Amino acid sequence: MFENVVGILSGKWDKKEGKKGEIFRDVWKGFSSIRGYTAQPTLLHAYGFGVPQNRPRVMIMGIRNDILKKSNLKPVKFDPSRENTTFSSQIKNNGGLWLNSPIEYVMKEVG
């Protein structure tokens, strides 16, 4: 599990010569290359989970592939090389490994 501020999506290593989004590309490359796991990024808002703040957070969750195969979760394709869209438009509420809402999570856990 990885969590960071939304600014990481457009962050540069070098403010003058860097490329927009390069920090997130590097982070994503690291997480998505872990053998035996599937990683999924998403952009969540704290208020969607009952927190009285308007703080979007970038999350990356990894799940072991053997567990993923036994579940009904479907990863959503994420392409960090796409430059015609912002990362936030690709990962905002993308579903995949992330449930649609906290209510859905609670209902699954309760049965």
Protein backbone atom coordinates (compact mmCIF):
# COMPACT_ATOMS: atom_id res chain seq x y z
CA MET A 1 0.00 0.00 0.00
CA PHE A 2 1.31 3.41 -1.00
CA GLU A 3 -0.30 6.77 -0.25
CA ASN A 4 0.76 10.27 -1.21
CA VAL A 5 -0.53 13.74 -2.01
CA VAL A 6 -2.08 14.40 -5.41
CA GLY A 7 0.87 16.63 -6.34
CA ILE A 8 2.98 13.54 -6.94
CA LEU A 9 1.05 13.01 -10.19
CA SER A 10 2.62 16.10 -11.73
CA GLY A 11 5.84 16.27 -9.73
CA LYS A 12 9.29 16.61 -11.32
CA TRP A 13 12.65 15.52 -9.93
CA ASP A 14 14.24 18.69 -11.31
CA LYS A 15 11.95 21.72 -11.37
CA LYS A 16 13.75 23.33 -14.29
CA GLU A 17 14.55 20.40 -16.55
CA GLY A 18 12.29 17.67 -15.26
CA LYS A 19 9.29 16.21 -17.04
CA LYS A 20 5.83 16.61 -15.52
CA GLY A 21 4.75 13.40 -13.82
CA GLU A 22 8.18 11.78 -13.76
CA ILE A 23 8.13 11.16 -10.01
CA PHE A 24 4.88 9.21 -10.22
CA ARG A 25 6.15 7.31 -13.28
CA ASP A 26 9.18 6.21 -11.26
CA VAL A 27 7.09 5.24 -8.23
CA TRP A 28 4.68 3.34 -10.47
CA LYS A 29 7.54 1.56 -12.23
CA GLY A 30 8.84 0.38 -8.87
CA PHE A 31 5.53 -0.94 -7.60
CA SER A 32 4.37 -2.46 -10.86
CA SER A 33 7.62 -4.41 -11.24
CA ILE A 34 7.27 -6.37 -7.98
CA ARG A 35 7.09 -10.01 -9.07
CA GLY A 36 4.04 -11.98 -8.02
CA TYR A 37 1.90 -8.90 -7.43
CA THR A 38 -0.53 -6.79 -9.41
CA ALA A 39 -0.49 -3.09 -8.56
CA GLN A 40 -3.39 -0.69 -9.10
CA PRO A 41 -3.30 3.09 -8.69
CA THR A 42 -6.28 5.23 -7.84
CA LEU A 43 -7.15 8.73 -6.70
CA LEU A 44 -9.39 8.79 -3.64
CA HIS A 45 -11.03 11.64 -1.75
CA ALA A 46 -11.06 11.55 2.04
CA TYR A 47 -14.65 12.86 2.19
CA GLY A 48 -15.80 9.67 0.45
CA PHE A 49 -14.75 7.77 3.56
CA GLY A 50 -16.42 10.01 6.12
CA VAL A 51 -13.40 12.24 6.78
CA PRO A 52 -14.42 15.91 6.97
CA GLN A 53 -11.65 17.03 4.60
CA ASN A 54 -11.37 17.65 0.90
CA ARG A 55 -8.01 15.95 0.43
CA PRO A 56 -7.49 13.85 -2.67
CA ARG A 57 -4.91 11.13 -2.11
CA VAL A 58 -3.01 8.99 -4.60
CA MET A 59 -3.07 5.35 -3.58
CA ILE A 60 -1.35 2.30 -5.02
CA MET A 61 -2.48 -1.06 -3.74
CA GLY A 62 -0.77 -4.30 -4.54
CA ILE A 63 -2.34 -7.72 -4.29
CA ARG A 64 -0.69 -11.09 -4.65
CA ASN A 65 -1.55 -12.66 -7.98
CA ASP A 66 -2.67 -15.96 -6.42
CA ILE A 67 -5.19 -14.08 -4.25
CA LEU A 68 -6.28 -11.91 -7.18
CA LYS A 69 -7.07 -15.00 -9.28
CA LYS A 70 -9.43 -16.27 -6.55
CA SER A 71 -11.26 -12.95 -6.22
CA ASN A 72 -13.77 -11.10 -8.37
CA LEU A 73 -11.54 -8.01 -8.52
CA LYS A 74 -10.60 -6.77 -11.98
CA PRO A 75 -7.57 -4.49 -12.34
CA VAL A 76 -8.10 -1.47 -14.55
CA LYS A 77 -5.45 -0.80 -17.18
CA PHE A 78 -3.18 2.08 -16.31
CA ASP A 79 -0.73 3.42 -18.88
CA PRO A 80 1.84 5.83 -17.38
CA SER A 81 3.24 6.61 -20.83
CA ARG A 82 0.01 8.27 -22.02
CA GLU A 83 0.76 11.94 -22.25
CA ASN A 84 -2.49 13.10 -23.82
CA THR A 85 -4.27 12.73 -20.47
CA THR A 86 -3.33 13.61 -16.94
CA PHE A 87 -2.60 10.82 -14.51
CA SER A 88 -5.47 11.99 -12.32
CA SER A 89 -7.98 11.56 -15.17
CA GLN A 90 -6.76 7.99 -15.67
CA ILE A 91 -6.88 6.89 -12.05
CA LYS A 92 -9.78 8.89 -10.56
CA ASN A 93 -12.36 6.45 -9.23
CA ASN A 94 -10.98 3.74 -11.51
CA GLY A 95 -12.42 0.79 -9.62
CA GLY A 96 -10.26 -2.22 -10.31
CA LEU A 97 -8.77 -3.40 -7.06
CA TRP A 98 -10.53 -0.55 -5.32
CA LEU A 99 -14.13 -0.97 -4.33
CA ASN A 100 -16.53 1.69 -5.55
CA SER A 101 -17.32 3.05 -2.11
CA PRO A 102 -16.73 2.44 1.59
CA ILE A 103 -20.34 1.23 1.84
CA GLU A 104 -19.59 -1.51 -0.71
CA TYR A 105 -16.58 -2.56 1.37
CA VAL A 106 -18.61 -2.70 4.57
CA MET A 107 -21.38 -4.67 2.87
CA LYS A 108 -18.87 -7.22 1.51
CA GLU A 109 -17.29 -7.64 4.93
CA VAL A 110 -20.62 -7.93 6.76
CA GLY A 111 -21.92 -10.41 4.25
